[in-house]
């Protein structure tokens, strides 16, 4: 897919989004050093409030109905639950030691948590607040994802250099796949057939075929003027039709735009320093990057694939999640373009 074609598609989607009269969303950003969350208004592109959370917050996600949100407070050894309307802390879940990232099951019933210090994945029943299982995985687990069909979960272990595929019915490891050095993040495709895994030190993204249980492709990155060891993929997201993947490249201070059919990089977008993770609006028109060293968030306009603004937040911003605001119904908008 050519860059010209990508821009044409993105601009068309942006026009649809404007016609649907979407309310401004809010982007929640965790700051490791300030033990806080900053909230950015997606319309004004300003920080509208900041509130305290547990120690060294990292992963953050919203419940399916957007009534609650969860924060991995790594140094508090807790997953904290907040009221999404008031930002008030409600209670903690028994997360295990040093929770890094987590993933909510598609039905919202379970939270899968990667515990870096004790090499396990903790599975929590959200309603009862009880641990269902602690599953042994590799050393220093961090990345965590659950398949859309709710049959599998994946944990990545940074030191073992593996993706551990978990059967969600038996809560046991079904198989392991070796990837490049220091895997940090994982995502399933919508059809649950592929798993993408970023490897920070290896400088690659591995695409795993679920059926064959083997790596299918490896995406590599090369940026003119940037040393190879500074290209360190961490967080990434897919756009809604899964034509493009956006990959945060750490100290390379770039986001790579990857064609998901050819696995070729079609563009690098300059953002802030030490980009960690990304969050995309439901309409797919804006991308927000957390830049851990420059202590800011860069907003990328996805119609033009260009950065439009950087916003100062707390110290060491790490995780980001979008709080979706209600959408004004518009029958002229095809259902397939609406957020599912």
Protein backbone atom coordinates (compact mmCIF):
# COMPACT_ATOMS: atom_id res chain seq x y z
CA UNK A 1 0.00 0.00 0.00
CA UNK A 2 1.49 3.33 -1.03
CA UNK A 3 1.73 6.28 1.34
CA UNK A 4 -0.51 8.27 -1.04
CA UNK A 5 -3.19 5.57 -0.84
CA UNK A 6 -2.89 5.42 2.97
CA UNK A 7 -3.43 9.16 3.22
CA UNK A 8 -6.45 9.04 0.90
CA UNK A 9 -8.11 6.35 3.03
CA UNK A 10 -7.29 8.19 6.26
CA UNK A 11 -8.70 11.47 4.95
CA UNK A 12 -11.90 9.72 3.92
CA UNK A 13 -12.30 8.25 7.38
CA UNK A 14 -11.63 11.64 8.94
CA UNK A 15 -14.46 13.14 6.86
CA UNK A 16 -16.84 10.43 8.04
CA UNK A 17 -15.82 11.07 11.66
CA UNK A 18 -16.61 14.78 11.34
CA UNK A 19 -20.03 14.01 9.88
CA UNK A 20 -20.92 11.74 12.79
CA UNK A 21 -20.64 14.60 15.32
CA UNK A 22 -18.53 12.68 17.82
CA UNK A 23 -18.17 14.13 21.31
CA UNK A 24 -14.65 14.92 22.52
CA UNK A 25 -13.03 11.92 24.18
CA UNK A 26 -10.62 11.98 27.11
CA UNK A 27 -7.19 10.36 27.10
CA UNK A 28 -5.91 9.09 30.46
CA UNK A 29 -2.10 9.01 30.80
CA UNK A 30 -0.18 7.39 33.66
CA UNK A 31 2.99 9.10 34.98
CA UNK A 32 5.42 6.74 36.70
CA UNK A 33 7.38 9.32 38.69
CA UNK A 34 4.44 11.48 39.80
CA UNK A 35 2.15 8.58 40.78
CA UNK A 36 -0.64 10.29 38.91
CA UNK A 37 -2.91 10.24 35.88
CA UNK A 38 -3.27 13.25 33.59
CA UNK A 39 -6.44 13.60 31.52
CA UNK A 40 -6.27 15.20 28.07
CA UNK A 41 -9.33 16.52 26.24
CA UNK A 42 -9.18 15.21 22.66
CA UNK A 43 -10.87 18.31 21.26
CA UNK A 44 -8.99 21.13 23.01
CA UNK A 45 -5.77 19.06 23.24
CA UNK A 46 -5.14 20.34 26.74
CA UNK A 47 -4.69 18.66 30.13
CA UNK A 48 -7.99 19.25 31.93
CA UNK A 49 -7.24 17.52 35.24
CA UNK A 50 -4.70 15.39 37.09
CA UNK A 51 -5.33 13.07 40.04
CA UNK A 52 -3.21 10.77 42.25
CA UNK A 53 -3.05 6.99 41.93
CA UNK A 54 -0.81 4.25 43.38
CA UNK A 55 2.95 4.08 43.17
CA UNK A 56 4.63 3.82 39.73
CA UNK A 57 1.50 3.49 37.60
CA UNK A 58 1.99 1.84 34.24
CA UNK A 59 -0.78 -0.04 32.42
CA UNK A 60 -4.26 1.51 32.28
CA UNK A 61 -7.51 0.33 30.67
CA UNK A 62 -11.26 1.00 30.81
CA UNK A 63 -14.06 -1.48 31.42
CA UNK A 64 -16.17 -2.35 28.39
CA UNK A 65 -19.00 -0.07 29.52
CA UNK A 66 -16.59 2.76 30.47
CA UNK A 67 -17.97 2.84 34.03
CA UNK A 68 -14.62 1.90 35.57
CA UNK A 69 -10.95 2.01 34.78
CA UNK A 70 -8.04 -0.03 36.05
CA UNK A 71 -4.47 1.06 36.82
CA UNK A 72 -1.42 -1.16 37.33
CA UNK A 73 0.24 0.47 40.35
CA UNK A 74 3.47 -1.51 40.04
CA UNK A 75 5.23 -0.43 43.25
CA UNK A 76 1.98 -0.67 45.22
CA UNK A 77 1.61 -4.30 44.08
CA UNK A 78 -2.00 -3.62 43.17
CA UNK A 79 -4.41 -3.20 40.32
CA UNK A 80 -6.49 -0.22 41.37
CA UNK A 81 -10.12 0.20 40.34
CA UNK A 82 -11.55 3.70 39.80
CA UNK A 83 -14.97 5.16 39.07
CA UNK A 84 -14.70 6.54 35.52
CA UNK A 85 -17.28 9.26 36.18
CA UNK A 86 -15.59 10.76 39.25
CA UNK A 87 -11.99 9.42 38.99
CA UNK A 88 -12.39 8.22 42.60
CA UNK A 89 -10.45 5.19 43.80
CA UNK A 90 -12.90 2.41 44.70
CA UNK A 91 -10.80 -0.60 45.70
CA UNK A 92 -7.73 -2.67 44.82
CA UNK A 93 -7.64 -6.07 43.16
CA UNK A 94 -5.20 -8.78 44.32
CA UNK A 95 -2.80 -8.41 41.42
CA UNK A 96 0.31 -10.23 42.59
CA UNK A 97 3.76 -8.64 42.83
CA UNK A 98 4.81 -5.80 40.51
CA UNK A 99 1.97 -5.74 37.96
CA UNK A 100 3.27 -4.27 34.68
CA UNK A 101 0.59 -4.63 32.04
CA UNK A 102 -2.80 -6.28 32.00
CA UNK A 103 -5.61 -7.16 29.61
CA UNK A 104 -9.33 -7.35 30.19
CA UNK A 105 -11.15 -10.33 28.68
CA UNK A 106 -13.64 -9.47 25.90
CA UNK A 107 -16.57 -10.22 28.21
CA UNK A 108 -15.08 -7.99 30.92
CA UNK A 109 -15.15 -10.78 33.52
CA UNK A 110 -11.45 -11.45 33.93
CA UNK A 111 -8.30 -9.40 34.20
CA UNK A 112 -5.04 -11.04 33.11
CA UNK A 113 -2.02 -9.44 34.80
CA UNK A 114 1.70 -9.83 34.03
CA UNK A 115 3.70 -9.89 37.29
CA UNK A 116 7.31 -9.01 36.54
CA UNK A 117 8.93 -9.85 39.88
CA UNK A 118 7.61 -13.37 40.38
CA UNK A 119 7.34 -14.66 36.78
CA UNK A 120 3.63 -15.40 36.78
CA UNK A 121 0.46 -14.29 35.10
CA UNK A 122 -2.30 -13.61 37.61
CA UNK A 123 -5.91 -14.14 36.54
CA UNK A 124 -8.47 -12.15 38.53
CA UNK A 125 -12.25 -12.51 38.60
CA UNK A 126 -13.31 -8.86 38.46
CA UNK A 127 -16.73 -9.28 40.12
CA UNK A 128 -15.63 -11.38 43.10
CA UNK A 129 -12.18 -9.69 43.31
CA UNK A 130 -10.58 -13.12 43.71
CA UNK A 131 -7.54 -14.69 42.07
CA UNK A 132 -8.58 -17.57 39.84
CA UNK A 133 -5.05 -18.70 39.01
CA UNK A 134 -1.40 -17.78 38.98
CA UNK A 135 0.23 -19.24 35.89
CA UNK A 136 3.99 -19.78 35.73
CA UNK A 137 5.53 -18.07 32.71
CA UNK A 138 9.01 -16.86 31.79
CA UNK A 139 11.29 -14.43 33.62
CA UNK A 140 10.15 -10.78 33.79
CA UNK A 141 6.73 -11.00 32.13
CA UNK A 142 5.33 -7.69 30.88
CA UNK A 143 3.19 -7.77 27.73
CA UNK A 144 -0.36 -9.07 28.09
CA UNK A 145 -3.25 -9.58 25.65
CA UNK A 146 -6.42 -11.67 25.30
CA UNK A 147 -7.76 -12.89 21.97
CA UNK A 148 -11.05 -11.37 20.75
CA UNK A 149 -12.62 -14.85 20.70
CA UNK A 150 -11.64 -15.19 24.40
CA UNK A 151 -9.93 -18.56 23.83
CA UNK A 152 -6.32 -17.53 24.35
CA UNK A 153 -4.19 -15.06 26.26
CA UNK A 154 -0.54 -14.20 25.73
CA UNK A 155 2.17 -13.07 28.14
CA UNK A 156 5.60 -11.91 26.94
CA UNK A 157 8.65 -12.51 29.14
CA UNK A 158 11.47 -10.01 28.75
CA UNK A 159 14.37 -12.20 29.92
CA UNK A 160 13.18 -15.56 28.57
CA UNK A 161 12.46 -13.93 25.19
CA UNK A 162 9.22 -15.81 24.71
CA UNK A 163 5.54 -15.35 24.10
CA UNK A 164 3.61 -17.71 26.38
CA UNK A 165 0.22 -18.66 24.93
CA UNK A 166 -2.36 -19.43 27.63
CA UNK A 167 -5.52 -21.52 27.21
CA UNK A 168 -8.21 -19.44 28.94
CA UNK A 169 -10.42 -22.49 29.56
CA UNK A 170 -7.80 -24.44 31.52
CA UNK A 171 -5.69 -21.44 32.63
CA UNK A 172 -2.51 -23.24 31.65
CA UNK A 173 0.26 -22.47 29.14
CA UNK A 174 -0.65 -24.18 25.88
CA UNK A 175 2.65 -23.46 24.12
CA UNK A 176 5.59 -21.05 23.95
CA UNK A 177 7.06 -19.18 20.98
CA UNK A 178 10.62 -17.85 20.94
CA UNK A 179 10.88 -14.23 19.73
CA UNK A 180 13.62 -11.60 19.65
CA UNK A 181 15.26 -10.10 22.73
CA UNK A 182 13.21 -8.38 25.42
CA UNK A 183 9.60 -8.71 24.20
CA UNK A 184 7.51 -5.91 25.67
CA UNK A 185 4.04 -5.77 24.14
CA UNK A 186 1.56 -8.09 22.42
CA UNK A 187 -1.72 -7.77 20.51
CA UNK A 188 -4.05 -10.22 18.77
CA UNK A 189 -5.60 -9.35 15.42
CA UNK A 190 -9.41 -9.11 15.37
CA UNK A 191 -9.81 -12.58 13.89
CA UNK A 192 -7.67 -14.04 16.72
CA UNK A 193 -5.44 -15.72 14.12
CA UNK A 194 -2.27 -13.66 14.56
CA UNK A 195 -0.30 -12.35 17.54
CA UNK A 196 2.04 -9.40 17.10
CA UNK A 197 4.90 -9.14 19.64
CA UNK A 198 7.38 -6.26 19.89
CA UNK A 199 10.97 -6.94 20.97
CA UNK A 200 12.70 -3.91 22.43
CA UNK A 201 16.36 -5.00 22.28
CA UNK A 202 15.89 -7.19 19.22
CA UNK A 203 14.48 -4.14 17.41
CA UNK A 204 11.73 -6.13 15.71
CA UNK A 205 8.06 -7.07 15.75
CA UNK A 206 7.31 -10.79 15.36
CA UNK A 207 3.99 -11.91 13.86
CA UNK A 208 2.94 -15.32 15.23
CA UNK A 209 0.48 -17.57 13.42
CA UNK A 210 -1.84 -19.04 16.06
CA UNK A 211 -2.78 -22.15 14.07
CA UNK A 212 0.78 -23.23 13.25
CA UNK A 213 2.12 -21.93 16.58
CA UNK A 214 5.13 -20.46 14.77
CA UNK A 215 6.49 -17.02 13.83
CA UNK A 216 5.16 -16.08 10.41
CA UNK A 217 6.88 -12.77 9.73
CA UNK A 218 9.38 -10.45 11.35
CA UNK A 219 9.04 -6.68 10.85
CA UNK A 220 12.34 -4.76 10.95
CA UNK A 221 12.99 -1.04 11.18
CA UNK A 222 15.70 1.20 9.73
CA UNK A 223 15.81 4.98 10.15
CA UNK A 224 18.37 7.13 8.40
CA UNK A 225 20.56 8.91 10.95
CA UNK A 226 19.39 6.79 13.89
CA UNK A 227 21.65 4.09 15.34
CA UNK A 228 20.18 0.59 15.19
CA UNK A 229 20.47 0.06 18.96
CA UNK A 230 18.25 3.12 19.53
CA UNK A 231 15.38 1.59 17.55
CA UNK A 232 13.50 -0.18 20.32
CA UNK A 233 9.90 -1.20 19.57
CA UNK A 234 7.57 -1.26 22.57
CA UNK A 235 3.86 -0.37 22.39
CA UNK A 236 1.78 -0.57 19.23
CA UNK A 237 -1.82 -0.34 18.05
CA UNK A 238 -3.74 -1.32 14.91
CA UNK A 239 -6.17 0.93 13.08
CA UNK A 240 -9.76 -0.27 12.93
CA UNK A 241 -9.66 -2.07 9.58
CA UNK A 242 -6.22 -3.50 10.43
CA UNK A 243 -4.60 -2.07 7.35
CA UNK A 244 -2.01 -0.19 9.40
CA UNK A 245 -0.05 -0.80 12.59
CA UNK A 246 1.55 2.07 14.53
CA UNK A 247 4.65 1.04 16.48
CA UNK A 248 6.38 3.13 19.17
CA UNK A 249 10.16 2.91 18.68
CA UNK A 250 11.43 4.11 22.08
CA UNK A 251 14.63 6.22 22.01
CA UNK A 252 14.39 6.48 18.22
CA UNK A 253 11.67 9.06 19.02
CA UNK A 254 9.57 7.82 16.13
CA UNK A 255 6.33 5.97 15.49
CA UNK A 256 6.58 3.54 12.59
CA UNK A 257 3.59 3.13 10.27
CA UNK A 258 3.48 -0.49 9.06
CA UNK A 259 1.35 -1.87 6.23
CA UNK A 260 -0.26 -4.93 7.86
CA UNK A 261 -0.62 -6.79 4.56
CA UNK A 262 2.93 -6.38 3.24
CA UNK A 263 4.59 -5.89 6.65
CA UNK A 264 6.57 -3.02 5.17
CA UNK A 265 7.23 0.27 6.98
CA UNK A 266 5.73 3.09 4.92
CA UNK A 267 6.57 6.04 7.17
CA UNK A 268 8.29 7.13 10.39
CA UNK A 269 6.63 9.93 12.38
CA UNK A 270 8.80 12.07 14.67
CA UNK A 271 7.37 12.43 18.20
CA UNK A 272 8.73 13.16 21.70
CA UNK A 273 11.66 11.51 23.44
CA UNK A 274 11.51 7.82 24.43
CA UNK A 275 8.06 6.98 23.12
CA UNK A 276 6.54 4.12 25.12
CA UNK A 277 2.89 3.48 24.32
CA UNK A 278 0.01 4.63 22.13
CA UNK A 279 -3.74 5.18 22.33
CA UNK A 280 -6.10 5.74 19.39
CA UNK A 281 -9.49 7.47 19.42
CA UNK A 282 -12.53 5.29 18.58
CA UNK A 283 -12.92 7.02 15.21
CA UNK A 284 -9.30 6.34 14.31
CA UNK A 285 -8.57 10.02 13.61
CA UNK A 286 -6.05 10.75 16.39
CA UNK A 287 -3.13 8.87 17.92
CA UNK A 288 -1.65 9.81 21.30
CA UNK A 289 1.91 8.79 22.21
CA UNK A 290 3.45 8.71 25.70
CA UNK A 291 6.99 10.09 25.62
CA UNK A 292 8.81 9.01 28.77
CA UNK A 293 11.89 11.26 28.67
CA UNK A 294 10.41 14.51 27.33
CA UNK A 295 7.47 14.12 29.78
CA UNK A 296 4.84 14.84 27.17
CA UNK A 297 2.24 13.33 24.87
CA UNK A 298 2.38 13.85 21.11
CA UNK A 299 -0.86 13.93 19.11
CA UNK A 300 -0.69 12.53 15.58
CA UNK A 301 -3.37 13.44 13.05
CA UNK A 302 -4.03 10.18 11.23
CA UNK A 303 -5.51 11.83 8.13
CA UNK A 304 -2.18 13.46 7.35
CA UNK A 305 0.06 11.09 9.36
CA UNK A 306 1.69 14.13 10.94
CA UNK A 307 2.24 15.24 14.56
CA UNK A 308 0.14 18.28 15.41
CA UNK A 309 1.01 19.05 19.01
CA UNK A 310 2.90 17.87 22.10
CA UNK A 311 1.35 18.35 25.55
CA UNK A 312 3.29 18.38 28.82
CA UNK A 313 1.98 15.86 31.37
CA UNK A 314 3.56 14.30 34.48
CA UNK A 315 7.05 12.86 34.81
CA UNK A 316 7.73 9.64 32.88
CA UNK A 317 4.40 9.17 31.10
CA UNK A 318 3.98 5.48 30.30
CA UNK A 319 0.49 4.11 29.67
CA UNK A 320 -2.50 5.63 27.89
CA UNK A 321 -6.16 4.75 27.41
CA UNK A 322 -9.10 6.53 25.79
CA UNK A 323 -12.30 7.23 27.72
CA UNK A 324 -14.92 7.20 25.02
CA UNK A 325 -17.59 9.90 25.12
CA UNK A 326 -21.13 9.30 23.78
CA UNK A 327 -21.56 9.45 20.04
CA UNK A 328 -24.44 11.38 18.47
CA UNK A 329 -26.25 8.96 16.18
CA UNK A 330 -26.15 9.74 12.47
CA UNK A 331 -27.93 7.37 10.11
CA UNK A 332 -25.90 8.66 7.19
CA UNK A 333 -22.78 7.04 8.63
CA UNK A 334 -22.36 3.41 7.52
CA UNK A 335 -22.47 1.04 10.55
CA UNK A 336 -19.11 -0.47 9.60
CA UNK A 337 -17.39 2.85 10.30
CA UNK A 338 -18.73 3.12 13.83
CA UNK A 339 -16.67 1.96 16.78
CA UNK A 340 -17.50 -1.57 17.86
